[in-house]
């Protein structure tokens, strides 16, 4: 019988994003899922991809997850170090970024993202997402904690705007735009002509019908739709050893550590009582 291994949603999402990175890609990364996905890609199938942090660390060799964009203490070195404005002007706006990671509170059917206003209230804002969404050749969008909407209340980061060629008519560089959306229940791509989002795969334990119920438009499904592949044992080992709080999820990791500490305390007290 095949070996059964329990995996988390975070691991499924990180692995799917990592597999989208090609060898030689220049990848703009943030914390959490993006950093782990980039690290995993380098260790597995894309050893020559170049990771770039917002703080200007180019091609780092991290031995642990970076705590912030300028965390030089977490890496053995880097090919180049520049400042934040140069990261955007010299690298991103000059067209060198192949893949960038984005996240949103709202995402609509054309891949537009809202992280600014919801229900009239100001929320997180853009950070570097507007620039990455505008100039990276491909973007990978995570909606781990967000939701889908037919039309964003406010567009912080452009996707394909109103579909078809509207993105490029607005002046954004040709050949750029969203490539993949990784949600909590499935993975989505965009139609080559209409630029409308469609379902590519559904996560283990989830049905297509469940996903369609949560999408507020008539979601199209790929004729080749499949179940999202689960991580391999090697991928799980790399993720759990290097970034366990990301791979397992903070709440799960904290509960495991709490159970371990409680067991340790109980065993220690029992040994003392025997003495």
Protein backbone atom coordinates (compact mmCIF):
# COMPACT_ATOMS: atom_id res chain seq x y z
CA UNK A 1 0.00 0.00 0.00
CA UNK A 2 1.24 3.55 -0.72
CA UNK A 3 2.43 5.46 2.31
CA UNK A 4 -0.09 7.96 3.67
CA UNK A 5 1.31 11.36 4.62
CA UNK A 6 -0.69 14.19 6.16
CA UNK A 7 -0.12 17.51 4.40
CA UNK A 8 -1.39 21.00 5.19
CA UNK A 9 -3.11 23.50 2.91
CA UNK A 10 -0.09 25.79 3.26
CA UNK A 11 2.19 23.04 1.96
CA UNK A 12 -0.07 22.34 -1.02
CA UNK A 13 -0.17 26.05 -1.90
CA UNK A 14 3.58 26.58 -1.49
CA UNK A 15 4.47 23.55 -3.59
CA UNK A 16 2.06 24.54 -6.37
CA UNK A 17 3.60 28.02 -6.48
CA UNK A 18 7.15 26.64 -6.41
CA UNK A 19 6.43 24.40 -9.40
CA UNK A 20 5.42 27.49 -11.39
CA UNK A 21 8.96 28.89 -11.06
CA UNK A 22 11.26 27.94 -13.94
CA UNK A 23 15.00 27.48 -13.85
CA UNK A 24 16.64 30.84 -14.53
CA UNK A 25 13.62 32.93 -13.47
CA UNK A 26 14.23 36.13 -11.52
CA UNK A 27 11.69 35.99 -8.68
CA UNK A 28 10.49 38.87 -6.49
CA UNK A 29 9.69 37.33 -3.10
CA UNK A 30 8.07 38.41 0.14
CA UNK A 31 7.69 36.62 3.45
CA UNK A 32 5.78 33.46 4.28
CA UNK A 33 4.52 31.47 1.29
CA UNK A 34 6.51 33.39 -1.40
CA UNK A 35 9.85 32.96 0.37
CA UNK A 36 9.26 29.26 1.05
CA UNK A 37 8.08 28.67 -2.52
CA UNK A 38 11.17 30.36 -3.95
CA UNK A 39 13.50 28.47 -1.62
CA UNK A 40 11.79 25.16 -2.47
CA UNK A 41 12.07 25.81 -6.21
CA UNK A 42 15.83 26.43 -5.88
CA UNK A 43 16.31 23.21 -3.93
CA UNK A 44 14.16 21.06 -6.22
CA UNK A 45 13.94 21.92 -9.92
CA UNK A 46 15.13 25.50 -10.48
CA UNK A 47 18.62 25.81 -8.95
CA UNK A 48 19.45 28.77 -11.18
CA UNK A 49 16.41 30.91 -10.33
CA UNK A 50 17.38 34.19 -8.69
CA UNK A 51 15.45 35.37 -5.63
CA UNK A 52 15.13 39.12 -5.01
CA UNK A 53 13.81 40.63 -1.77
CA UNK A 54 12.06 43.98 -1.58
CA UNK A 55 14.91 45.28 0.57
CA UNK A 56 17.44 44.61 -2.20
CA UNK A 57 19.06 41.29 -1.32
CA UNK A 58 19.67 39.67 -4.72
CA UNK A 59 20.27 35.92 -4.99
CA UNK A 60 20.63 35.21 -1.26
CA UNK A 61 21.66 31.84 0.16
CA UNK A 62 19.35 31.73 3.20
CA UNK A 63 19.92 29.10 5.87
CA UNK A 64 16.68 30.09 7.63
CA UNK A 65 13.61 32.19 6.66
CA UNK A 66 14.33 35.91 6.48
CA UNK A 67 12.60 37.87 9.22
CA UNK A 68 12.34 41.06 7.13
CA UNK A 69 13.37 42.23 3.60
CA UNK A 70 16.84 43.34 4.79
CA UNK A 71 17.62 40.37 7.04
CA UNK A 72 21.25 39.73 6.10
CA UNK A 73 21.71 37.67 9.28
CA UNK A 74 19.57 34.87 7.81
CA UNK A 75 21.66 34.35 4.68
CA UNK A 76 25.20 33.10 4.03
CA UNK A 77 25.63 35.80 1.42
CA UNK A 78 24.19 37.24 -1.78
CA UNK A 79 25.24 38.04 -5.34
CA UNK A 80 24.35 41.72 -4.93
CA UNK A 81 22.86 44.07 -2.36
CA UNK A 82 21.06 47.28 -3.33
CA UNK A 83 18.58 49.60 -1.64
CA UNK A 84 14.80 49.50 -1.89
CA UNK A 85 14.34 52.21 -4.59
CA UNK A 86 16.91 50.45 -6.79
CA UNK A 87 15.07 47.15 -6.38
CA UNK A 88 12.05 48.68 -8.08
CA UNK A 89 13.74 50.98 -10.61
CA UNK A 90 16.85 49.03 -11.62
CA UNK A 91 15.32 45.55 -11.54
CA UNK A 92 11.51 45.53 -11.58
CA UNK A 93 10.67 48.57 -13.74
CA UNK A 94 13.48 47.66 -16.13
CA UNK A 95 11.72 44.38 -16.92
CA UNK A 96 14.01 41.88 -15.21
CA UNK A 97 11.43 40.27 -12.89
CA UNK A 98 9.97 37.09 -14.37
CA UNK A 99 7.77 36.10 -11.42
CA UNK A 100 6.31 38.11 -8.54
CA UNK A 101 4.06 37.01 -5.70
CA UNK A 102 0.92 38.94 -4.80
CA UNK A 103 -1.89 38.56 -2.27
CA UNK A 104 -5.26 40.24 -1.94
CA UNK A 105 -8.27 40.79 0.24
CA UNK A 106 -10.43 40.84 -2.90
CA UNK A 107 -9.67 39.40 -6.33
CA UNK A 108 -12.01 39.56 -9.30
CA UNK A 109 -12.48 37.38 -12.38
CA UNK A 110 -9.83 39.29 -14.35
CA UNK A 111 -7.18 39.04 -11.64
CA UNK A 112 -7.51 42.60 -10.33
CA UNK A 113 -6.62 42.88 -6.64
CA UNK A 114 -7.97 45.08 -3.87
CA UNK A 115 -5.88 45.60 -0.74
CA UNK A 116 -6.89 49.23 -0.12
CA UNK A 117 -10.57 49.74 0.69
CA UNK A 118 -13.29 47.34 1.75
CA UNK A 119 -16.75 48.46 2.74
CA UNK A 120 -15.50 52.04 2.71
CA UNK A 121 -12.79 51.26 5.25
CA UNK A 122 -9.08 51.61 4.51
CA UNK A 123 -7.16 48.35 4.91
CA UNK A 124 -3.55 47.36 4.20
CA UNK A 125 -2.73 49.31 1.04
CA UNK A 126 -0.43 48.46 -1.83
CA UNK A 127 3.12 48.16 -0.56
CA UNK A 128 5.01 47.03 -3.66
CA UNK A 129 2.11 45.06 -5.11
CA UNK A 130 0.99 47.68 -7.64
CA UNK A 131 4.46 47.87 -9.19
CA UNK A 132 4.88 44.08 -9.21
CA UNK A 133 1.42 43.56 -10.66
CA UNK A 134 2.15 46.11 -13.36
CA UNK A 135 5.65 45.16 -14.46
CA UNK A 136 6.45 41.54 -13.52
CA UNK A 137 6.15 39.22 -16.52
CA UNK A 138 4.10 36.71 -14.51
CA UNK A 139 2.41 37.05 -11.16
CA UNK A 140 1.31 34.32 -8.77
CA UNK A 141 -1.61 35.47 -6.64
CA UNK A 142 -2.47 33.92 -3.27
CA UNK A 143 -5.96 34.24 -1.83
CA UNK A 144 -5.30 32.18 1.30
CA UNK A 145 -7.18 34.65 3.46
CA UNK A 146 -9.04 36.69 0.85
CA UNK A 147 -12.16 36.16 -1.23
CA UNK A 148 -13.34 36.27 -4.84
CA UNK A 149 -15.64 38.98 -6.16
CA UNK A 150 -17.03 39.65 -9.64
CA UNK A 151 -15.69 43.21 -9.58
CA UNK A 152 -13.28 44.67 -7.04
CA UNK A 153 -14.56 47.56 -4.96
CA UNK A 154 -11.20 49.25 -5.56
CA UNK A 155 -8.30 48.16 -7.78
CA UNK A 156 -5.02 48.41 -5.89
CA UNK A 157 -3.12 46.14 -8.25
CA UNK A 158 -4.04 45.69 -11.92
CA UNK A 159 -4.76 42.27 -13.34
CA UNK A 160 -6.31 42.16 -16.79
CA UNK A 161 -8.59 45.13 -15.90
CA UNK A 162 -11.76 44.56 -17.99
CA UNK A 163 -10.44 41.56 -19.86
CA UNK A 164 -9.23 41.02 -23.43
CA UNK A 165 -6.51 43.62 -24.26
CA UNK A 166 -7.70 46.32 -21.84
CA UNK A 167 -4.59 45.89 -19.67
CA UNK A 168 -2.27 46.75 -22.52
CA UNK A 169 -4.47 49.53 -23.90
CA UNK A 170 -4.09 51.13 -20.47
CA UNK A 171 -0.35 51.30 -21.06
CA UNK A 172 1.01 48.34 -19.08
CA UNK A 173 3.87 46.41 -20.72
CA UNK A 174 2.83 43.69 -23.20
CA UNK A 175 3.40 40.15 -22.02
CA UNK A 176 2.89 40.95 -18.34
CA UNK A 177 0.01 39.96 -16.07
CA UNK A 178 -1.39 37.32 -13.72
CA UNK A 179 -0.44 33.74 -14.52
CA UNK A 180 -1.79 31.75 -11.59
CA UNK A 181 -4.19 32.20 -8.69
CA UNK A 182 -3.82 29.79 -5.78
CA UNK A 183 -6.84 29.72 -3.50
CA UNK A 184 -7.75 27.79 -0.37
CA UNK A 185 -9.72 25.25 -2.44
CA UNK A 186 -8.30 25.32 -5.94
CA UNK A 187 -5.91 26.73 -8.54
CA UNK A 188 -6.98 29.08 -11.33
CA UNK A 189 -5.55 30.39 -14.62
CA UNK A 190 -6.69 32.95 -17.20
CA UNK A 191 -8.13 32.42 -20.66
CA UNK A 192 -5.63 33.45 -23.34
CA UNK A 193 -8.21 35.56 -25.22
CA UNK A 194 -10.83 36.83 -22.76
CA UNK A 195 -8.41 36.90 -19.78
CA UNK A 196 -11.22 35.59 -17.55
CA UNK A 197 -10.25 33.31 -14.69
CA UNK A 198 -11.02 29.60 -14.95
CA UNK A 199 -10.50 26.59 -12.67
CA UNK A 200 -7.41 24.51 -13.43
CA UNK A 201 -7.38 22.18 -10.41
CA UNK A 202 -9.19 21.47 -7.15
CA UNK A 203 -7.41 20.65 -3.90
CA UNK A 204 -7.64 17.20 -2.30
CA UNK A 205 -10.89 16.76 -0.38
CA UNK A 206 -12.64 19.54 -2.31
CA UNK A 207 -15.17 19.23 -5.13
CA UNK A 208 -15.65 21.47 -8.17
CA UNK A 209 -19.20 22.18 -7.02
CA UNK A 210 -17.92 23.49 -3.65
CA UNK A 211 -15.57 25.87 -5.42
CA UNK A 212 -18.22 27.15 -7.85
CA UNK A 213 -20.55 27.94 -4.92
CA UNK A 214 -17.96 30.37 -3.54
CA UNK A 215 -17.33 32.15 -6.86
CA UNK A 216 -19.85 34.98 -7.54
CA UNK A 217 -19.77 34.60 -11.33
CA UNK A 218 -20.26 31.71 -13.72
CA UNK A 219 -16.84 30.16 -13.23
CA UNK A 220 -15.54 28.26 -16.23
CA UNK A 221 -13.77 24.95 -15.65
CA UNK A 222 -10.89 23.64 -17.75
CA UNK A 223 -11.80 20.53 -19.77
CA UNK A 224 -8.51 19.15 -18.41
CA UNK A 225 -9.28 20.00 -14.77
CA UNK A 226 -7.41 17.78 -12.31
CA UNK A 227 -6.86 17.42 -8.60
CA UNK A 228 -4.03 19.65 -7.35
CA UNK A 229 -0.93 17.44 -6.94
CA UNK A 230 0.16 16.86 -3.34
CA UNK A 231 3.75 17.49 -2.23
CA UNK A 232 6.31 14.73 -2.51
CA UNK A 233 8.11 13.39 0.57
CA UNK A 234 11.25 15.29 -0.46
CA UNK A 235 9.34 18.56 -0.84
CA UNK A 236 7.71 18.10 2.56
CA UNK A 237 11.07 17.37 4.18
CA UNK A 238 12.63 20.53 2.75
CA UNK A 239 9.69 22.75 3.77
CA UNK A 240 9.24 21.34 7.28
CA UNK A 241 12.93 21.46 8.12
CA UNK A 242 13.54 24.96 6.75
CA UNK A 243 10.30 26.80 7.61
CA UNK A 244 8.03 24.65 9.82
CA UNK A 245 5.84 27.55 10.95
CA UNK A 246 5.01 28.37 7.32
CA UNK A 247 4.68 24.80 6.07
CA UNK A 248 2.59 23.51 8.94
CA UNK A 249 0.83 26.79 9.64
CA UNK A 250 1.48 28.86 12.75
CA UNK A 251 -1.55 27.62 14.67
CA UNK A 252 -0.81 23.96 13.94
CA UNK A 253 2.87 24.41 14.75
CA UNK A 254 2.04 26.20 18.00
CA UNK A 255 -0.39 23.45 19.04
CA UNK A 256 2.22 20.77 18.31
CA UNK A 257 4.84 22.65 20.33
CA UNK A 258 2.37 23.18 23.18
CA UNK A 259 1.53 19.46 23.28
CA UNK A 260 5.25 18.65 23.26
CA UNK A 261 5.95 21.08 26.12
CA UNK A 262 3.02 19.74 28.16
CA UNK A 263 4.24 16.18 27.68
CA UNK A 264 7.80 17.21 28.58
CA UNK A 265 6.64 18.95 31.77
CA UNK A 266 4.46 15.96 32.76
CA UNK A 267 7.34 13.50 32.21
CA UNK A 268 9.75 15.72 34.16
CA UNK A 269 7.36 15.99 37.10
CA UNK A 270 6.80 12.22 37.06
CA UNK A 271 10.56 11.55 37.19
CA UNK A 272 10.97 13.97 40.09
CA UNK A 273 8.18 12.28 42.04
CA UNK A 274 9.87 8.88 41.59
CA UNK A 275 13.06 10.27 43.07
